[in-house]
Amino acid sequence: MTAINEIQTSILLISSGTRTIGPMIIFLEEGGASTLAAAVGCLMVFGVLLLMLLSTVLSRFLPKGVLPWQF
């Protein structure tokens, strides 16, 4: 359900010169480029995991309780 809300919000942000990742994946899928849509989705997941790893490594410089996956 949260993915649907993200898509709806992102569609409101689309202009002629810019696209957000959520609608771009949907447009690629609807345009018949499902392999490219899957690749963009995998890159997005990889990017999020990389940011989570980086923030976990640097968590000693953050206040306690900032990262929700650490107790």
PDB file of N, CA and C in Angstrom:
ATOM      1  N   MET A   1       0.812  -1.204   0.000  1.00  0.00           N
ATOM      2  CA  MET A   1       0.000   0.000   0.000  1.00  0.00           C
ATOM      3  C   MET A   1       0.852   1.263   0.000  1.00  0.00           C
ATOM      4  N   THR A   2       1.975   1.231   0.691  1.00  0.00           N
ATOM      5  CA  THR A   2       2.809   2.434   0.697  1.00  0.00           C
ATOM      6  C   THR A   2       3.413   2.689  -0.677  1.00  0.00           C
ATOM      7  N   ALA A   3       3.661   1.631  -1.453  1.00  0.00           N
ATOM      8  CA  ALA A   3       4.191   1.829  -2.806  1.00  0.00           C
ATOM      9  C   ALA A   3       3.181   2.564  -3.676  1.00  0.00           C
ATOM     10  N   ILE A   4       1.905   2.254  -3.512  1.00  0.00           N
ATOM     11  CA  ILE A   4       0.867   2.934  -4.293  1.00  0.00           C
ATOM     12  C   ILE A   4       0.816   4.413  -3.926  1.00  0.00           C
ATOM     13  N   ASN A   5       0.930   4.732  -2.653  1.00  0.00           N
ATOM     14  CA  ASN A   5       0.950   6.134  -2.233  1.00  0.00           C
ATOM     15  C   ASN A   5       2.173   6.849  -2.793  1.00  0.00           C
ATOM     16  N   GLU A   6       3.325   6.176  -2.826  1.00  0.00           N
ATOM     17  CA  GLU A   6       4.538   6.789  -3.362  1.00  0.00           C
ATOM     18  C   GLU A   6       4.376   7.081  -4.843  1.00  0.00           C
ATOM     19  N   ILE A   7       3.770   6.171  -5.574  1.00  0.00           N
ATOM     20  CA  ILE A   7       3.560   6.371  -7.012  1.00  0.00           C
ATOM     21  C   ILE A   7       2.623   7.556  -7.235  1.00  0.00           C
ATOM     22  N   GLN A   8       1.542   7.622  -6.465  1.00  0.00           N
ATOM     23  CA  GLN A   8       0.586   8.717  -6.645  1.00  0.00           C
ATOM     24  C   GLN A   8       1.233  10.063  -6.352  1.00  0.00           C
ATOM     25  N   THR A   9       2.030  10.137  -5.307  1.00  0.00           N
ATOM     26  CA  THR A   9       2.704  11.386  -4.972  1.00  0.00           C
ATOM     27  C   THR A   9       3.751  11.736  -6.023  1.00  0.00           C
ATOM     28  N   SER A  10       4.476  10.742  -6.491  1.00  0.00           N
ATOM     29  CA  SER A  10       5.515  10.995  -7.485  1.00  0.00           C
ATOM     30  C   SER A  10       4.933  11.458  -8.803  1.00  0.00           C
ATOM     31  N   ILE A  11       3.777  10.953  -9.170  1.00  0.00           N
ATOM     32  CA  ILE A  11       3.160  11.366 -10.428  1.00  0.00           C
ATOM     33  C   ILE A  11       2.818  12.852 -10.389  1.00  0.00           C
ATOM     34  N   LEU A  12       2.482  13.359  -9.216  1.00  0.00           N
ATOM     35  CA  LEU A  12       2.199  14.785  -9.095  1.00  0.00           C
ATOM     36  C   LEU A  12       3.454  15.635  -9.283  1.00  0.00           C
ATOM     37  N   LEU A  13       4.628  15.050  -9.063  1.00  0.00           N
ATOM     38  CA  LEU A  13       5.886  15.798  -9.160  1.00  0.00           C
ATOM     39  C   LEU A  13       6.499  15.772 -10.552  1.00  0.00           C
ATOM     40  N   ILE A  14       5.920  15.000 -11.467  1.00  0.00           N
ATOM     41  CA  ILE A  14       6.489  14.868 -12.802  1.00  0.00           C
ATOM     42  C   ILE A  14       6.266  16.145 -13.595  1.00  0.00           C
ATOM     43  N   SER A  15       7.325  16.606 -14.234  1.00  0.00           N
ATOM     44  CA  SER A  15       7.209  17.715 -15.180  1.00  0.00           C
ATOM     45  C   SER A  15       7.779  17.236 -16.512  1.00  0.00           C
ATOM     46  N   SER A  16       7.815  18.100 -17.485  1.00  0.00           N
ATOM     47  CA  SER A  16       8.281  17.682 -18.810  1.00  0.00           C
ATOM     48  C   SER A  16       9.765  17.337 -18.816  1.00  0.00           C
ATOM     49  N   GLY A  17      10.530  17.910 -17.940  1.00  0.00           N
ATOM     50  CA  GLY A  17      11.966  17.673 -17.951  1.00  0.00           C
ATOM     51  C   GLY A  17      12.476  16.738 -16.876  1.00  0.00           C
ATOM     52  N   THR A  18      11.646  16.389 -15.912  1.00  0.00           N
ATOM     53  CA  THR A  18      12.102  15.544 -14.811  1.00  0.00           C
ATOM     54  C   THR A  18      11.150  14.376 -14.601  1.00  0.00           C
ATOM     55  N   ARG A  19      11.700  13.302 -14.074  1.00  0.00           N
ATOM     56  CA  ARG A  19      10.899  12.136 -13.689  1.00  0.00           C
ATOM     57  C   ARG A  19      11.452  11.589 -12.386  1.00  0.00           C
ATOM     58  N   THR A  20      10.569  11.105 -11.546  1.00  0.00           N
ATOM     59  CA  THR A  20      11.017  10.427 -10.337  1.00  0.00           C
ATOM     60  C   THR A  20      11.107   8.932 -10.629  1.00  0.00           C
ATOM     61  N   ILE A  21      11.772   8.201  -9.765  1.00  0.00           N
ATOM     62  CA  ILE A  21      12.072   6.798 -10.053  1.00  0.00           C
ATOM     63  C   ILE A  21      10.815   5.932 -10.101  1.00  0.00           C
ATOM     64  N   GLY A  22       9.885   6.133  -9.186  1.00  0.00           N
ATOM     65  CA  GLY A  22       8.685   5.307  -9.159  1.00  0.00           C
ATOM     66  C   GLY A  22       7.905   5.318 -10.465  1.00  0.00           C
ATOM     67  N   PRO A  23       7.488   6.488 -10.934  1.00  0.00           N
ATOM     68  CA  PRO A  23       6.781   6.531 -12.214  1.00  0.00           C
ATOM     69  C   PRO A  23       7.643   6.089 -13.397  1.00  0.00           C
ATOM     70  N   MET A  24       8.960   6.323 -13.326  1.00  0.00           N
ATOM     71  CA  MET A  24       9.812   5.884 -14.421  1.00  0.00           C
ATOM     72  C   MET A  24       9.759   4.368 -14.576  1.00  0.00           C
ATOM     73  N   ILE A  25       9.745   3.649 -13.459  1.00  0.00           N
ATOM     74  CA  ILE A  25       9.652   2.188 -13.513  1.00  0.00           C
ATOM     75  C   ILE A  25       8.300   1.772 -14.091  1.00  0.00           C
ATOM     76  N   ILE A  26       7.237   2.437 -13.684  1.00  0.00           N
ATOM     77  CA  ILE A  26       5.907   2.122 -14.209  1.00  0.00           C
ATOM     78  C   ILE A  26       5.836   2.404 -15.707  1.00  0.00           C
ATOM     79  N   PHE A  27       6.365   3.543 -16.147  1.00  0.00           N
ATOM     80  CA  PHE A  27       6.338   3.887 -17.571  1.00  0.00           C
ATOM     81  C   PHE A  27       7.166   2.912 -18.397  1.00  0.00           C
ATOM     82  N   LEU A  28       8.311   2.477 -17.868  1.00  0.00           N
ATOM     83  CA  LEU A  28       9.124   1.494 -18.579  1.00  0.00           C
ATOM     84  C   LEU A  28       8.378   0.168 -18.710  1.00  0.00           C
ATOM     85  N   GLU A  29       7.735  -0.244 -17.637  1.00  0.00           N
ATOM     86  CA  GLU A  29       6.980  -1.504 -17.656  1.00  0.00           C
ATOM     87  C   GLU A  29       5.826  -1.429 -18.648  1.00  0.00           C
ATOM     88  N   GLU A  30       5.088  -0.338 -18.616  1.00  0.00           N
ATOM     89  CA  GLU A  30       3.958  -0.190 -19.535  1.00  0.00           C
ATOM     90  C   GLU A  30       4.418  -0.031 -20.981  1.00  0.00           C
ATOM     91  N   GLY A  31       5.615   0.486 -21.186  1.00  0.00           N
ATOM     92  CA  GLY A  31       6.155   0.665 -22.527  1.00  0.00           C
ATOM     93  C   GLY A  31       6.775  -0.597 -23.108  1.00  0.00           C
ATOM     94  N   GLY A  32       6.775  -1.677 -22.359  1.00  0.00           N
ATOM     95  CA  GLY A  32       7.293  -2.940 -22.859  1.00  0.00           C
ATOM     96  C   GLY A  32       8.739  -3.220 -22.516  1.00  0.00           C
ATOM     97  N   ALA A  33       9.358  -2.369 -21.740  1.00  0.00           N
ATOM     98  CA  ALA A  33      10.756  -2.568 -21.361  1.00  0.00           C
ATOM     99  C   ALA A  33      10.818  -3.116 -19.932  1.00  0.00           C
ATOM    100  N   SER A  34      10.247  -4.297 -19.745  1.00  0.00           N
ATOM    101  CA  SER A  34      10.175  -4.857 -18.393  1.00  0.00           C
ATOM    102  C   SER A  34      11.549  -5.204 -17.839  1.00  0.00           C
ATOM    103  N   THR A  35      12.475  -5.611 -18.705  1.00  0.00           N
ATOM    104  CA  THR A  35      13.834  -5.915 -18.240  1.00  0.00           C
ATOM    105  C   THR A  35      14.517  -4.654 -17.733  1.00  0.00           C
ATOM    106  N   LEU A  36      14.358  -3.562 -18.447  1.00  0.00           N
ATOM    107  CA  LEU A  36      14.945  -2.295 -18.013  1.00  0.00           C
ATOM    108  C   LEU A  36      14.280  -1.798 -16.729  1.00  0.00           C
ATOM    109  N   ALA A  37      12.972  -1.987 -16.617  1.00  0.00           N
ATOM    110  CA  ALA A  37      12.260  -1.591 -15.398  1.00  0.00           C
ATOM    111  C   ALA A  37      12.761  -2.394 -14.195  1.00  0.00           C
ATOM    112  N   ALA A  38      12.988  -3.684 -14.404  1.00  0.00           N
ATOM    113  CA  ALA A  38      13.516  -4.524 -13.323  1.00  0.00           C
ATOM    114  C   ALA A  38      14.929  -4.099 -12.943  1.00  0.00           C
ATOM    115  N   ALA A  39      15.739  -3.730 -13.935  1.00  0.00           N
ATOM    116  CA  ALA A  39      17.102  -3.283 -13.652  1.00  0.00           C
ATOM    117  C   ALA A  39      17.110  -1.986 -12.847  1.00  0.00           C
ATOM    118  N   VAL A  40      16.239  -1.051 -13.205  1.00  0.00           N
ATOM    119  CA  VAL A  40      16.147   0.209 -12.454  1.00  0.00           C
ATOM    120  C   VAL A  40      15.673  -0.064 -11.028  1.00  0.00           C
ATOM    121  N   GLY A  41      14.724  -0.959 -10.872  1.00  0.00           N
ATOM    122  CA  GLY A  41      14.248  -1.319  -9.535  1.00  0.00           C
ATOM    123  C   GLY A  41      15.338  -1.953  -8.695  1.00  0.00           C
ATOM    124  N   CYS A  42      16.128  -2.843  -9.309  1.00  0.00           N
ATOM    125  CA  CYS A  42      17.239  -3.472  -8.586  1.00  0.00           C
ATOM    126  C   CYS A  42      18.292  -2.441  -8.192  1.00  0.00           C
ATOM    127  N   LEU A  43      18.584  -1.504  -9.078  1.00  0.00           N
ATOM    128  CA  LEU A  43      19.538  -0.446  -8.748  1.00  0.00           C
ATOM    129  C   LEU A  43      19.031   0.432  -7.606  1.00  0.00           C
ATOM    130  N   MET A  44      17.736   0.677  -7.585  1.00  0.00           N
ATOM    131  CA  MET A  44      17.151   1.480  -6.520  1.00  0.00           C
ATOM    132  C   MET A  44      17.286   0.744  -5.175  1.00  0.00           C
ATOM    133  N   VAL A  45      16.987  -0.550  -5.159  1.00  0.00           N
ATOM    134  CA  VAL A  45      17.120  -1.336  -3.932  1.00  0.00           C
ATOM    135  C   VAL A  45      18.583  -1.387  -3.493  1.00  0.00           C
ATOM    136  N   PHE A  46      19.500  -1.591  -4.444  1.00  0.00           N
ATOM    137  CA  PHE A  46      20.926  -1.609  -4.128  1.00  0.00           C
ATOM    138  C   PHE A  46      21.375  -0.272  -3.536  1.00  0.00           C
ATOM    139  N   GLY A  47      20.885   0.828  -4.089  1.00  0.00           N
ATOM    140  CA  GLY A  47      21.236   2.148  -3.570  1.00  0.00           C
ATOM    141  C   GLY A  47      20.748   2.363  -2.144  1.00  0.00           C
ATOM    142  N   VAL A  48      19.536   1.915  -1.860  1.00  0.00           N
ATOM    143  CA  VAL A  48      18.985   2.051  -0.502  1.00  0.00           C
ATOM    144  C   VAL A  48      19.794   1.202   0.477  1.00  0.00           C
ATOM    145  N   LEU A  49      20.122  -0.033   0.077  1.00  0.00           N
ATOM    146  CA  LEU A  49      20.934  -0.883   0.946  1.00  0.00           C
ATOM    147  C   LEU A  49      22.312  -0.295   1.190  1.00  0.00           C
ATOM    148  N   LEU A  50      22.893   0.308   0.165  1.00  0.00           N
ATOM    149  CA  LEU A  50      24.200   0.953   0.308  1.00  0.00           C
ATOM    150  C   LEU A  50      24.131   2.130   1.288  1.00  0.00           C
ATOM    151  N   LEU A  51      23.070   2.928   1.188  1.00  0.00           N
ATOM    152  CA  LEU A  51      22.903   4.048   2.131  1.00  0.00           C
ATOM    153  C   LEU A  51      22.672   3.550   3.558  1.00  0.00           C
ATOM    154  N   MET A  52      21.928   2.450   3.697  1.00  0.00           N
ATOM    155  CA  MET A  52      21.719   1.880   5.029  1.00  0.00           C
ATOM    156  C   MET A  52      23.032   1.370   5.611  1.00  0.00           C
ATOM    157  N   LEU A  53      23.848   0.719   4.788  1.00  0.00           N
ATOM    158  CA  LEU A  53      25.138   0.216   5.252  1.00  0.00           C
ATOM    159  C   LEU A  53      26.049   1.366   5.655  1.00  0.00           C
ATOM    160  N   LEU A  54      26.086   2.398   4.844  1.00  0.00           N
ATOM    161  CA  LEU A  54      26.918   3.556   5.156  1.00  0.00           C
ATOM    162  C   LEU A  54      26.478   4.232   6.456  1.00  0.00           C
ATOM    163  N   SER A  55      25.174   4.383   6.629  1.00  0.00           N
ATOM    164  CA  SER A  55      24.692   5.020   7.859  1.00  0.00           C
ATOM    165  C   SER A  55      24.915   4.126   9.076  1.00  0.00           C
ATOM    166  N   THR A  56      24.899   2.798   8.892  1.00  0.00           N
ATOM    167  CA  THR A  56      25.189   1.888   9.997  1.00  0.00           C
ATOM    168  C   THR A  56      26.657   1.988  10.391  1.00  0.00           C
ATOM    169  N   VAL A  57      27.538   2.075   9.405  1.00  0.00           N
ATOM    170  CA  VAL A  57      28.972   2.212   9.692  1.00  0.00           C
ATOM    171  C   VAL A  57      29.247   3.529  10.408  1.00  0.00           C
ATOM    172  N   LEU A  58      28.571   4.585   9.999  1.00  0.00           N
ATOM    173  CA  LEU A  58      28.787   5.901  10.609  1.00  0.00           C
ATOM    174  C   LEU A  58      27.879   6.168  11.805  1.00  0.00           C
ATOM    175  N   SER A  59      27.181   5.140  12.288  1.00  0.00           N
ATOM    176  CA  SER A  59      26.202   5.341  13.362  1.00  0.00           C
ATOM    177  C   SER A  59      26.846   5.746  14.683  1.00  0.00           C
ATOM    178  N   ARG A  60      28.128   5.476  14.836  1.00  0.00           N
ATOM    179  CA  ARG A  60      28.765   5.879  16.100  1.00  0.00           C
ATOM    180  C   ARG A  60      28.841   7.395  16.243  1.00  0.00           C
ATOM    181  N   PHE A  61      28.699   8.128  15.141  1.00  0.00           N
ATOM    182  CA  PHE A  61      28.706   9.592  15.194  1.00  0.00           C
ATOM    183  C   PHE A  61      27.304  10.172  15.317  1.00  0.00           C
ATOM    184  N   LEU A  62      26.282   9.309  15.290  1.00  0.00           N
ATOM    185  CA  LEU A  62      24.888   9.761  15.369  1.00  0.00           C
ATOM    186  C   LEU A  62      24.351   9.563  16.774  1.00  0.00           C
ATOM    187  N   PRO A  63      23.372  10.353  17.181  1.00  0.00           N
ATOM    188  CA  PRO A  63      22.746  10.140  18.487  1.00  0.00           C
ATOM    189  C   PRO A  63      22.049   8.785  18.540  1.00  0.00           C
ATOM    190  N   LYS A  64      21.955   8.218  19.713  1.00  0.00           N
ATOM    191  CA  LYS A  64      21.310   6.927  19.905  1.00  0.00           C
ATOM    192  C   LYS A  64      19.819   7.026  19.566  1.00  0.00           C
ATOM    193  N   GLY A  65      19.313   6.052  18.806  1.00  0.00           N
ATOM    194  CA  GLY A  65      17.903   6.008  18.452  1.00  0.00           C
ATOM    195  C   GLY A  65      17.570   6.685  17.137  1.00  0.00           C
ATOM    196  N   VAL A  66      18.551   7.222  16.432  1.00  0.00           N
ATOM    197  CA  VAL A  66      18.299   7.899  15.159  1.00  0.00           C
ATOM    198  C   VAL A  66      17.979   6.876  14.084  1.00  0.00           C
ATOM    199  N   LEU A  67      18.726   5.785  14.036  1.00  0.00           N
ATOM    200  CA  LEU A  67      18.498   4.762  13.028  1.00  0.00           C
ATOM    201  C   LEU A  67      17.451   3.771  13.543  1.00  0.00           C
ATOM    202  N   PRO A  68      16.344   3.623  12.846  1.00  0.00           N
ATOM    203  CA  PRO A  68      15.255   2.790  13.366  1.00  0.00           C
ATOM    204  C   PRO A  68      15.588   1.299  13.403  1.00  0.00           C
ATOM    205  N   TRP A  69      16.594   0.828  12.657  1.00  0.00           N
ATOM    206  CA  TRP A  69      16.904  -0.589  12.658  1.00  0.00           C
ATOM    207  C   TRP A  69      17.959  -0.948  13.691  1.00  0.00           C
ATOM    208  N   GLN A  70      18.401   0.030  14.485  1.00  0.00           N
ATOM    209  CA  GLN A  70      19.320  -0.221  15.585  1.00  0.00           C
ATOM    210  C   GLN A  70      18.632   0.144  16.888  1.00  0.00           C
ATOM    211  N   PHE A  71      18.905  -0.668  17.898  1.00  0.00           N
ATOM    212  CA  PHE A  71      18.275  -0.429  19.203  1.00  0.00           C
ATOM    213  C   PHE A  71      19.255   0.130  20.173  1.00  0.00           C
TER     214      PHE A  71
END
